[in-house]
All heavy atoms as atom14 arrays in JSON, in Angstrom:
{
  "sequence": "VQLVESGGGSVQAGGSLRLSCAASGRTFSNCNIGWFRRTPGKER",
  "atom14_mask": [
    [1, 1, 1, 1, 1, 1, 1, 0, 0, 0, 0, 0, 0, 0],
    [1, 1, 1, 1, 1, 1, 1, 1, 1, 0, 0, 0, 0, 0],
    [1, 1, 1, 1, 1, 1, 1, 1, 0, 0, 0, 0, 0, 0],
    [1, 1, 1, 1, 1, 1, 1, 0, 0, 0, 0, 0, 0, 0],
    [1, 1, 1, 1, 1, 1, 1, 1, 1, 0, 0, 0, 0, 0],
    [1, 1, 1, 1, 1, 1, 0, 0, 0, 0, 0, 0, 0, 0],
    [1, 1, 1, 1, 0, 0, 0, 0, 0, 0, 0, 0, 0, 0],
    [1, 1, 1, 1, 0, 0, 0, 0, 0, 0, 0, 0, 0, 0],
    [1, 1, 1, 1, 0, 0, 0, 0, 0, 0, 0, 0, 0, 0],
    [1, 1, 1, 1, 1, 1, 0, 0, 0, 0, 0, 0, 0, 0],
    [1, 1, 1, 1, 1, 1, 1, 0, 0, 0, 0, 0, 0, 0],
    [1, 1, 1, 1, 1, 1, 1, 1, 1, 0, 0, 0, 0, 0],
    [1, 1, 1, 1, 1, 0, 0, 0, 0, 0, 0, 0, 0, 0],
    [1, 1, 1, 1, 0, 0, 0, 0, 0, 0, 0, 0, 0, 0],
    [1, 1, 1, 1, 0, 0, 0, 0, 0, 0, 0, 0, 0, 0],
    [1, 1, 1, 1, 1, 1, 0, 0, 0, 0, 0, 0, 0, 0],
    [1, 1, 1, 1, 1, 1, 1, 1, 0, 0, 0, 0, 0, 0],
    [1, 1, 1, 1, 1, 1, 1, 1, 1, 1, 1, 0, 0, 0],
    [1, 1, 1, 1, 1, 1, 1, 1, 0, 0, 0, 0, 0, 0],
    [1, 1, 1, 1, 1, 1, 0, 0, 0, 0, 0, 0, 0, 0],
    [1, 1, 1, 1, 1, 1, 0, 0, 0, 0, 0, 0, 0, 0],
    [1, 1, 1, 1, 1, 0, 0, 0, 0, 0, 0, 0, 0, 0],
    [1, 1, 1, 1, 1, 0, 0, 0, 0, 0, 0, 0, 0, 0],
    [1, 1, 1, 1, 1, 1, 0, 0, 0, 0, 0, 0, 0, 0],
    [1, 1, 1, 1, 0, 0, 0, 0, 0, 0, 0, 0, 0, 0],
    [1, 1, 1, 1, 1, 1, 1, 1, 1, 1, 1, 0, 0, 0],
    [1, 1, 1, 1, 1, 1, 1, 0, 0, 0, 0, 0, 0, 0],
    [1, 1, 1, 1, 1, 1, 1, 1, 1, 1, 1, 0, 0, 0],
    [1, 1, 1, 1, 1, 1, 0, 0, 0, 0, 0, 0, 0, 0],
    [1, 1, 1, 1, 1, 1, 1, 1, 0, 0, 0, 0, 0, 0],
    [1, 1, 1, 1, 1, 1, 0, 0, 0, 0, 0, 0, 0, 0],
    [1, 1, 1, 1, 1, 1, 1, 1, 0, 0, 0, 0, 0, 0],
    [1, 1, 1, 1, 1, 1, 1, 1, 0, 0, 0, 0, 0, 0],
    [1, 1, 1, 1, 0, 0, 0, 0, 0, 0, 0, 0, 0, 0],
    [1, 1, 1, 1, 1, 1, 1, 1, 1, 1, 1, 1, 1, 1],
    [1, 1, 1, 1, 1, 1, 1, 1, 1, 1, 1, 0, 0, 0],
    [1, 1, 1, 1, 1, 1, 1, 1, 1, 1, 1, 0, 0, 0],
    [1, 1, 1, 1, 1, 1, 1, 1, 1, 1, 1, 0, 0, 0],
    [1, 1, 1, 1, 1, 1, 1, 0, 0, 0, 0, 0, 0, 0],
    [1, 1, 1, 1, 1, 1, 1, 0, 0, 0, 0, 0, 0, 0],
    [1, 1, 1, 1, 0, 0, 0, 0, 0, 0, 0, 0, 0, 0],
    [1, 1, 1, 1, 1, 1, 1, 1, 1, 0, 0, 0, 0, 0],
    [1, 1, 1, 1, 1, 1, 1, 1, 1, 0, 0, 0, 0, 0],
    [1, 1, 1, 1, 1, 1, 1, 1, 1, 1, 1, 0, 0, 0]
  ],
  "atom14_positions": [
    [[-67.13, 37.96, 65.33], [-66.01, 38.88, 65.46], [-66.5, 40.08, 66.24], [-67.54, 40.65, 65.92], [-65.47, 39.33, 64.08], [-64.35, 40.34, 64.27], [-64.97, 38.13, 63.3], [0.0, 0.0, 0.0], [0.0, 0.0, 0.0], [0.0, 0.0, 0.0], [0.0, 0.0, 0.0], [0.0, 0.0, 0.0], [0.0, 0.0, 0.0], [0.0, 0.0, 0.0]],
    [[-65.75, 40.47, 67.24], [-66.05, 41.7, 67.98], [-65.01, 42.74, 67.58], [-63.82, 42.46, 67.54], [-65.99, 41.45, 69.49], [-67.09, 40.54, 70.01], [-66.81, 39.07, 69.74], [-65.71, 38.6, 69.91], [-67.85, 38.35, 69.3], [0.0, 0.0, 0.0], [0.0, 0.0, 0.0], [0.0, 0.0, 0.0], [0.0, 0.0, 0.0], [0.0, 0.0, 0.0]],
    [[-65.5, 43.95, 67.31], [-64.64, 45.03, 66.84], [-64.78, 46.24, 67.76], [-65.9, 46.6, 68.12], [-65.0, 45.43, 65.42], [-64.93, 44.33, 64.35], [-65.51, 44.85, 63.04], [-63.52, 43.84, 64.16], [0.0, 0.0, 0.0], [0.0, 0.0, 0.0], [0.0, 0.0, 0.0], [0.0, 0.0, 0.0], [0.0, 0.0, 0.0], [0.0, 0.0, 0.0]],
    [[-63.65, 46.84, 68.1], [-63.66, 48.05, 68.92], [-62.74, 49.07, 68.29], [-61.54, 48.81, 68.14], [-63.22, 47.76, 70.37], [-63.23, 49.05, 71.18], [-64.14, 46.72, 71.01], [0.0, 0.0, 0.0], [0.0, 0.0, 0.0], [0.0, 0.0, 0.0], [0.0, 0.0, 0.0], [0.0, 0.0, 0.0], [0.0, 0.0, 0.0], [0.0, 0.0, 0.0]],
    [[-63.3, 50.22, 67.92], [-62.51, 51.28, 67.34], [-62.01, 52.25, 68.41], [-62.65, 52.42, 69.46], [-63.33, 52.09, 66.32], [-63.89, 51.29, 65.16], [-65.3, 50.78, 65.44], [-65.64, 50.65, 66.63], [-66.05, 50.52, 64.49], [0.0, 0.0, 0.0], [0.0, 0.0, 0.0], [0.0, 0.0, 0.0], [0.0, 0.0, 0.0], [0.0, 0.0, 0.0]],
    [[-60.9, 52.88, 68.13], [-60.34, 53.91, 69.02], [-59.48, 54.85, 68.19], [-59.19, 54.57, 67.02], [-59.53, 53.27, 70.15], [-58.43, 52.55, 69.63], [0.0, 0.0, 0.0], [0.0, 0.0, 0.0], [0.0, 0.0, 0.0], [0.0, 0.0, 0.0], [0.0, 0.0, 0.0], [0.0, 0.0, 0.0], [0.0, 0.0, 0.0], [0.0, 0.0, 0.0]],
    [[-59.08, 55.94, 68.81], [-58.15, 56.86, 68.17], [-58.77, 58.12, 67.62], [-58.05, 58.99, 67.11], [0.0, 0.0, 0.0], [0.0, 0.0, 0.0], [0.0, 0.0, 0.0], [0.0, 0.0, 0.0], [0.0, 0.0, 0.0], [0.0, 0.0, 0.0], [0.0, 0.0, 0.0], [0.0, 0.0, 0.0], [0.0, 0.0, 0.0], [0.0, 0.0, 0.0]],
    [[-60.09, 58.22, 67.69], [-60.72, 59.43, 67.2], [-60.44, 60.62, 68.1], [-59.86, 60.48, 69.18], [0.0, 0.0, 0.0], [0.0, 0.0, 0.0], [0.0, 0.0, 0.0], [0.0, 0.0, 0.0], [0.0, 0.0, 0.0], [0.0, 0.0, 0.0], [0.0, 0.0, 0.0], [0.0, 0.0, 0.0], [0.0, 0.0, 0.0], [0.0, 0.0, 0.0]],
    [[-60.83, 61.79, 67.66], [-60.63, 63.0, 68.45], [-60.9, 64.23, 67.62], [-61.49, 64.15, 66.54], [0.0, 0.0, 0.0], [0.0, 0.0, 0.0], [0.0, 0.0, 0.0], [0.0, 0.0, 0.0], [0.0, 0.0, 0.0], [0.0, 0.0, 0.0], [0.0, 0.0, 0.0], [0.0, 0.0, 0.0], [0.0, 0.0, 0.0], [0.0, 0.0, 0.0]],
    [[-60.45, 65.36, 68.16], [-60.64, 66.64, 67.5], [-59.28, 67.18, 67.07], [-58.36, 67.24, 67.88], [-61.3, 67.64, 68.44], [-62.6, 67.21, 68.8], [0.0, 0.0, 0.0], [0.0, 0.0, 0.0], [0.0, 0.0, 0.0], [0.0, 0.0, 0.0], [0.0, 0.0, 0.0], [0.0, 0.0, 0.0], [0.0, 0.0, 0.0], [0.0, 0.0, 0.0]],
    [[-59.19, 67.55, 65.8], [-57.94, 68.11, 65.26], [-58.27, 69.27, 64.36], [-59.41, 69.42, 63.9], [-57.14, 67.06, 64.46], [-56.67, 65.93, 65.36], [-57.94, 66.53, 63.29], [0.0, 0.0, 0.0], [0.0, 0.0, 0.0], [0.0, 0.0, 0.0], [0.0, 0.0, 0.0], [0.0, 0.0, 0.0], [0.0, 0.0, 0.0], [0.0, 0.0, 0.0]],
    [[-57.27, 70.08, 64.1], [-57.43, 71.16, 63.14], [-57.16, 70.65, 61.74], [-56.48, 69.63, 61.54], [-56.48, 72.3, 63.48], [-56.85, 73.05, 64.76], [-56.12, 74.35, 64.91], [-54.94, 74.44, 64.57], [-56.79, 75.36, 65.44], [0.0, 0.0, 0.0], [0.0, 0.0, 0.0], [0.0, 0.0, 0.0], [0.0, 0.0, 0.0], [0.0, 0.0, 0.0]],
    [[-57.7, 71.35, 60.78], [-57.47, 70.99, 59.38], [-55.97, 70.91, 59.11], [-55.2, 71.75, 59.58], [-58.12, 72.02, 58.47], [0.0, 0.0, 0.0], [0.0, 0.0, 0.0], [0.0, 0.0, 0.0], [0.0, 0.0, 0.0], [0.0, 0.0, 0.0], [0.0, 0.0, 0.0], [0.0, 0.0, 0.0], [0.0, 0.0, 0.0], [0.0, 0.0, 0.0]],
    [[-55.6, 69.88, 58.35], [-54.19, 69.65, 58.08], [-53.54, 68.68, 59.04], [-52.42, 68.2, 58.79], [0.0, 0.0, 0.0], [0.0, 0.0, 0.0], [0.0, 0.0, 0.0], [0.0, 0.0, 0.0], [0.0, 0.0, 0.0], [0.0, 0.0, 0.0], [0.0, 0.0, 0.0], [0.0, 0.0, 0.0], [0.0, 0.0, 0.0], [0.0, 0.0, 0.0]],
    [[-54.23, 68.38, 60.13], [-53.68, 67.49, 61.13], [-53.84, 66.02, 60.77], [-54.35, 65.68, 59.69], [0.0, 0.0, 0.0], [0.0, 0.0, 0.0], [0.0, 0.0, 0.0], [0.0, 0.0, 0.0], [0.0, 0.0, 0.0], [0.0, 0.0, 0.0], [0.0, 0.0, 0.0], [0.0, 0.0, 0.0], [0.0, 0.0, 0.0], [0.0, 0.0, 0.0]],
    [[-53.42, 65.17, 61.69], [-53.44, 63.73, 61.46], [-54.04, 63.0, 62.65], [-53.95, 63.47, 63.79], [-52.02, 63.19, 61.23], [-51.42, 63.76, 60.1], [0.0, 0.0, 0.0], [0.0, 0.0, 0.0], [0.0, 0.0, 0.0], [0.0, 0.0, 0.0], [0.0, 0.0, 0.0], [0.0, 0.0, 0.0], [0.0, 0.0, 0.0], [0.0, 0.0, 0.0]],
    [[-54.63, 61.85, 62.37], [-55.09, 60.93, 63.39], [-54.86, 59.52, 62.9], [-54.87, 59.26, 61.69], [-56.59, 61.11, 63.68], [-57.03, 62.32, 64.49], [-58.56, 62.41, 64.48], [-56.52, 62.25, 65.91], [0.0, 0.0, 0.0], [0.0, 0.0, 0.0], [0.0, 0.0, 0.0], [0.0, 0.0, 0.0], [0.0, 0.0, 0.0], [0.0, 0.0, 0.0]],
    [[-54.67, 58.61, 63.85], [-54.56, 57.2, 63.51], [-55.65, 56.44, 64.25], [-55.65, 56.38, 65.48], [-53.19, 56.65, 63.91], [-52.95, 55.22, 63.41], [-51.77, 54.61, 64.11], [-51.26, 53.43, 63.42], [-50.55, 52.49, 64.01], [-50.26, 52.58, 65.3], [-50.11, 51.45, 63.33], [0.0, 0.0, 0.0], [0.0, 0.0, 0.0], [0.0, 0.0, 0.0]],
    [[-56.57, 55.88, 63.49], [-57.64, 55.09, 64.06], [-57.22, 53.63, 64.15], [-56.5, 53.13, 63.29], [-58.91, 55.21, 63.23], [-59.42, 56.61, 62.95], [-60.74, 56.54, 62.19], [-59.55, 57.42, 64.21], [0.0, 0.0, 0.0], [0.0, 0.0, 0.0], [0.0, 0.0, 0.0], [0.0, 0.0, 0.0], [0.0, 0.0, 0.0], [0.0, 0.0, 0.0]],
    [[-57.68, 52.97, 65.21], [-57.4, 51.55, 65.39], [-58.7, 50.78, 65.47], [-59.71, 51.29, 65.94], [-56.61, 51.32, 66.68], [-55.35, 51.95, 66.63], [0.0, 0.0, 0.0], [0.0, 0.0, 0.0], [0.0, 0.0, 0.0], [0.0, 0.0, 0.0], [0.0, 0.0, 0.0], [0.0, 0.0, 0.0], [0.0, 0.0, 0.0], [0.0, 0.0, 0.0]],
    [[-58.64, 49.54, 65.02], [-59.78, 48.63, 65.07], [-59.28, 47.32, 65.68], [-58.53, 46.59, 65.03], [-60.34, 48.41, 63.68], [-61.68, 47.21, 63.58], [0.0, 0.0, 0.0], [0.0, 0.0, 0.0], [0.0, 0.0, 0.0], [0.0, 0.0, 0.0], [0.0, 0.0, 0.0], [0.0, 0.0, 0.0], [0.0, 0.0, 0.0], [0.0, 0.0, 0.0]],
    [[-59.64, 47.08, 66.94], [-59.2, 45.87, 67.64], [-60.24, 44.78, 67.44], [-61.42, 45.0, 67.69], [-59.01, 46.17, 69.12], [0.0, 0.0, 0.0], [0.0, 0.0, 0.0], [0.0, 0.0, 0.0], [0.0, 0.0, 0.0], [0.0, 0.0, 0.0], [0.0, 0.0, 0.0], [0.0, 0.0, 0.0], [0.0, 0.0, 0.0], [0.0, 0.0, 0.0]],
    [[-59.79, 43.62, 67.01], [-60.7, 42.51, 66.7], [-60.46, 41.34, 67.64], [-59.34, 41.06, 68.05], [-60.51, 42.07, 65.26], [0.0, 0.0, 0.0], [0.0, 0.0, 0.0], [0.0, 0.0, 0.0], [0.0, 0.0, 0.0], [0.0, 0.0, 0.0], [0.0, 0.0, 0.0], [0.0, 0.0, 0.0], [0.0, 0.0, 0.0], [0.0, 0.0, 0.0]],
    [[-61.52, 40.66, 67.97], [-61.43, 39.42, 68.73], [-62.46, 38.45, 68.17], [-63.43, 38.84, 67.54], [-61.69, 39.65, 70.22], [-62.97, 40.18, 70.43], [0.0, 0.0, 0.0], [0.0, 0.0, 0.0], [0.0, 0.0, 0.0], [0.0, 0.0, 0.0], [0.0, 0.0, 0.0], [0.0, 0.0, 0.0], [0.0, 0.0, 0.0], [0.0, 0.0, 0.0]],
    [[-62.22, 37.17, 68.33], [-63.15, 36.18, 67.8], [-62.48, 35.3, 66.77], [-61.39, 34.8, 66.98], [0.0, 0.0, 0.0], [0.0, 0.0, 0.0], [0.0, 0.0, 0.0], [0.0, 0.0, 0.0], [0.0, 0.0, 0.0], [0.0, 0.0, 0.0], [0.0, 0.0, 0.0], [0.0, 0.0, 0.0], [0.0, 0.0, 0.0], [0.0, 0.0, 0.0]],
    [[-63.1, 35.19, 65.61], [-62.58, 34.29, 64.58], [-61.24, 34.78, 64.05], [-60.83, 35.89, 64.31], [-63.59, 34.15, 63.45], [-63.83, 35.42, 62.67], [-64.78, 35.2, 61.52], [-64.19, 34.39, 60.46], [-64.84, 33.99, 59.39], [-66.12, 34.25, 59.25], [-64.25, 33.27, 58.46], [0.0, 0.0, 0.0], [0.0, 0.0, 0.0], [0.0, 0.0, 0.0]],
    [[-60.58, 33.94, 63.26], [-59.25, 34.25, 62.74], [-59.28, 35.56, 61.96], [-59.92, 35.67, 60.92], [-58.75, 33.12, 61.85], [-58.8, 31.9, 62.57], [-57.33, 33.39, 61.41], [0.0, 0.0, 0.0], [0.0, 0.0, 0.0], [0.0, 0.0, 0.0], [0.0, 0.0, 0.0], [0.0, 0.0, 0.0], [0.0, 0.0, 0.0], [0.0, 0.0, 0.0]],
    [[-58.58, 36.53, 62.48], [-58.62, 37.87, 61.92], [-58.04, 37.92, 60.51], [-58.55, 38.64, 59.66], [-57.85, 38.8, 62.85], [-57.88, 40.24, 62.46], [-59.05, 40.96, 62.52], [-56.74, 40.88, 62.04], [-59.09, 42.3, 62.18], [-56.75, 42.21, 61.68], [-57.94, 42.93, 61.75], [0.0, 0.0, 0.0], [0.0, 0.0, 0.0], [0.0, 0.0, 0.0]],
    [[-57.0, 37.13, 60.26], [-56.36, 37.19, 58.94], [-57.28, 36.74, 57.83], [-57.04, 37.04, 56.66], [-55.08, 36.33, 58.94], [-55.4, 34.97, 59.18], [0.0, 0.0, 0.0], [0.0, 0.0, 0.0], [0.0, 0.0, 0.0], [0.0, 0.0, 0.0], [0.0, 0.0, 0.0], [0.0, 0.0, 0.0], [0.0, 0.0, 0.0], [0.0, 0.0, 0.0]],
    [[-58.35, 36.04, 58.16], [-59.32, 35.59, 57.16], [-60.41, 36.62, 56.88], [-61.33, 36.34, 56.11], [-59.99, 34.28, 57.6], [-59.03, 33.11, 57.55], [-58.03, 33.14, 56.83], [-59.32, 32.08, 58.32], [0.0, 0.0, 0.0], [0.0, 0.0, 0.0], [0.0, 0.0, 0.0], [0.0, 0.0, 0.0], [0.0, 0.0, 0.0], [0.0, 0.0, 0.0]],
    [[-60.32, 37.79, 57.52], [-61.35, 38.81, 57.37], [-60.89, 39.97, 56.51], [-59.77, 40.46, 56.66], [-61.75, 39.35, 58.74], [-62.64, 38.19, 59.77], [0.0, 0.0, 0.0], [0.0, 0.0, 0.0], [0.0, 0.0, 0.0], [0.0, 0.0, 0.0], [0.0, 0.0, 0.0], [0.0, 0.0, 0.0], [0.0, 0.0, 0.0], [0.0, 0.0, 0.0]],
    [[-61.77, 40.41, 55.61], [-61.6, 41.71, 54.99], [-61.96, 42.77, 56.03], [-62.92, 42.59, 56.79], [-62.54, 41.87, 53.79], [-62.38, 40.76, 52.79], [-61.31, 40.53, 52.26], [-63.48, 40.04, 52.52], [0.0, 0.0, 0.0], [0.0, 0.0, 0.0], [0.0, 0.0, 0.0], [0.0, 0.0, 0.0], [0.0, 0.0, 0.0], [0.0, 0.0, 0.0]],
    [[-61.25, 43.87, 56.03], [-61.53, 44.96, 56.97], [-61.88, 46.21, 56.17], [-61.17, 46.56, 55.24], [-60.33, 45.26, 57.86], [-59.94, 44.01, 58.67], [-60.63, 46.44, 58.8], [-61.0, 43.55, 59.63], [0.0, 0.0, 0.0], [0.0, 0.0, 0.0], [0.0, 0.0, 0.0], [0.0, 0.0, 0.0], [0.0, 0.0, 0.0], [0.0, 0.0, 0.0]],
    [[-62.99, 46.82, 56.52], [-63.39, 48.04, 55.84], [-63.6, 49.17, 56.84], [-64.08, 48.94, 57.95], [0.0, 0.0, 0.0], [0.0, 0.0, 0.0], [0.0, 0.0, 0.0], [0.0, 0.0, 0.0], [0.0, 0.0, 0.0], [0.0, 0.0, 0.0], [0.0, 0.0, 0.0], [0.0, 0.0, 0.0], [0.0, 0.0, 0.0], [0.0, 0.0, 0.0]],
    [[-63.22, 50.37, 56.44], [-63.52, 51.57, 57.23], [-64.58, 52.37, 56.47], [-64.45, 52.6, 55.26], [-62.27, 52.43, 57.41], [-61.32, 51.91, 58.44], [-60.21, 51.15, 58.23], [-61.37, 52.13, 59.86], [-59.57, 50.87, 59.42], [-60.27, 51.47, 60.44], [-62.24, 52.84, 60.71], [-60.01, 51.48, 61.81], [-61.99, 52.84, 62.07], [-60.89, 52.16, 62.61]],
    [[-65.6, 52.74, 57.19], [-66.68, 53.56, 56.66], [-66.88, 54.74, 57.6], [-66.48, 54.69, 58.77], [-67.98, 52.75, 56.57], [-67.96, 51.7, 55.5], [-67.24, 50.53, 55.66], [-68.66, 51.88, 54.31], [-67.2, 49.56, 54.68], [-68.64, 50.91, 53.32], [-67.9, 49.75, 53.5], [0.0, 0.0, 0.0], [0.0, 0.0, 0.0], [0.0, 0.0, 0.0]],
    [[-67.53, 55.78, 57.11], [-67.83, 56.92, 57.98], [-69.27, 57.35, 57.76], [-69.85, 57.15, 56.7], [-66.88, 58.07, 57.72], [-66.9, 58.66, 56.33], [-65.73, 59.63, 56.17], [-65.73, 60.27, 54.85], [-64.74, 61.03, 54.41], [-63.66, 61.25, 55.17], [-64.83, 61.57, 53.22], [0.0, 0.0, 0.0], [0.0, 0.0, 0.0], [0.0, 0.0, 0.0]],
    [[-69.8, 57.91, 58.83], [-71.2, 58.32, 58.81], [-71.33, 59.7, 59.4], [-70.73, 60.0, 60.44], [-72.02, 57.31, 59.6], [-73.47, 57.68, 59.78], [-74.2, 56.63, 60.57], [-74.66, 55.54, 59.71], [-75.12, 54.39, 60.15], [-75.12, 54.14, 61.44], [-75.54, 53.47, 59.34], [0.0, 0.0, 0.0], [0.0, 0.0, 0.0], [0.0, 0.0, 0.0]],
    [[-72.13, 60.52, 58.74], [-72.5, 61.83, 59.26], [-74.01, 61.89, 59.37], [-74.71, 61.13, 58.67], [-71.98, 62.95, 58.35], [-72.43, 62.71, 57.01], [-70.47, 63.0, 58.35], [0.0, 0.0, 0.0], [0.0, 0.0, 0.0], [0.0, 0.0, 0.0], [0.0, 0.0, 0.0], [0.0, 0.0, 0.0], [0.0, 0.0, 0.0], [0.0, 0.0, 0.0]],
    [[-74.55, 62.75, 60.23], [-76.0, 62.8, 60.44], [-76.76, 63.01, 59.14], [-76.4, 63.86, 58.33], [-76.2, 63.98, 61.38], [-74.91, 64.07, 62.13], [-73.85, 63.68, 61.14], [0.0, 0.0, 0.0], [0.0, 0.0, 0.0], [0.0, 0.0, 0.0], [0.0, 0.0, 0.0], [0.0, 0.0, 0.0], [0.0, 0.0, 0.0], [0.0, 0.0, 0.0]],
    [[-77.77, 62.19, 58.92], [-78.61, 62.33, 57.75], [-78.05, 61.71, 56.49], [-78.68, 61.81, 55.42], [0.0, 0.0, 0.0], [0.0, 0.0, 0.0], [0.0, 0.0, 0.0], [0.0, 0.0, 0.0], [0.0, 0.0, 0.0], [0.0, 0.0, 0.0], [0.0, 0.0, 0.0], [0.0, 0.0, 0.0], [0.0, 0.0, 0.0], [0.0, 0.0, 0.0]],
    [[-76.9, 61.07, 56.58], [-76.29, 60.48, 55.39], [-76.07, 58.99, 55.58], [-75.95, 58.49, 56.7], [-74.96, 61.15, 55.07], [-75.08, 62.59, 54.58], [-73.74, 63.11, 54.09], [-73.87, 64.5, 53.53], [-72.58, 65.02, 53.02], [0.0, 0.0, 0.0], [0.0, 0.0, 0.0], [0.0, 0.0, 0.0], [0.0, 0.0, 0.0], [0.0, 0.0, 0.0]],
    [[-75.98, 58.28, 54.47], [-75.65, 56.86, 54.5], [-74.19, 56.69, 54.89], [-73.38, 57.6, 54.75], [-75.87, 56.27, 53.1], [-77.25, 56.45, 52.52], [-78.12, 55.24, 52.78], [-77.56, 54.15, 52.98], [-79.35, 55.4, 52.79], [0.0, 0.0, 0.0], [0.0, 0.0, 0.0], [0.0, 0.0, 0.0], [0.0, 0.0, 0.0], [0.0, 0.0, 0.0]],
    [[-73.87, 55.47, 55.34], [-72.47, 55.16, 55.58], [-71.69, 55.28, 54.28], [-72.11, 54.78, 53.24], [-72.34, 53.73, 56.13], [-72.27, 53.65, 57.63], [-72.19, 52.23, 58.1], [-73.35, 51.45, 57.76], [-73.61, 50.24, 58.23], [-72.74, 49.68, 59.07], [-74.68, 49.58, 57.86], [0.0, 0.0, 0.0], [0.0, 0.0, 0.0], [0.0, 0.0, 0.0]]
  ]
}
């Protein structure tokens, strides 16, 4: 499965963003999808 994220950016507190994860490869409906975040020096 190949995954490509998009939709990030810079916003002010209180704002909104919609992230997308485009998948290609095996049947997508058979996959669990997880979102994780990482900051410097920390685990996902």
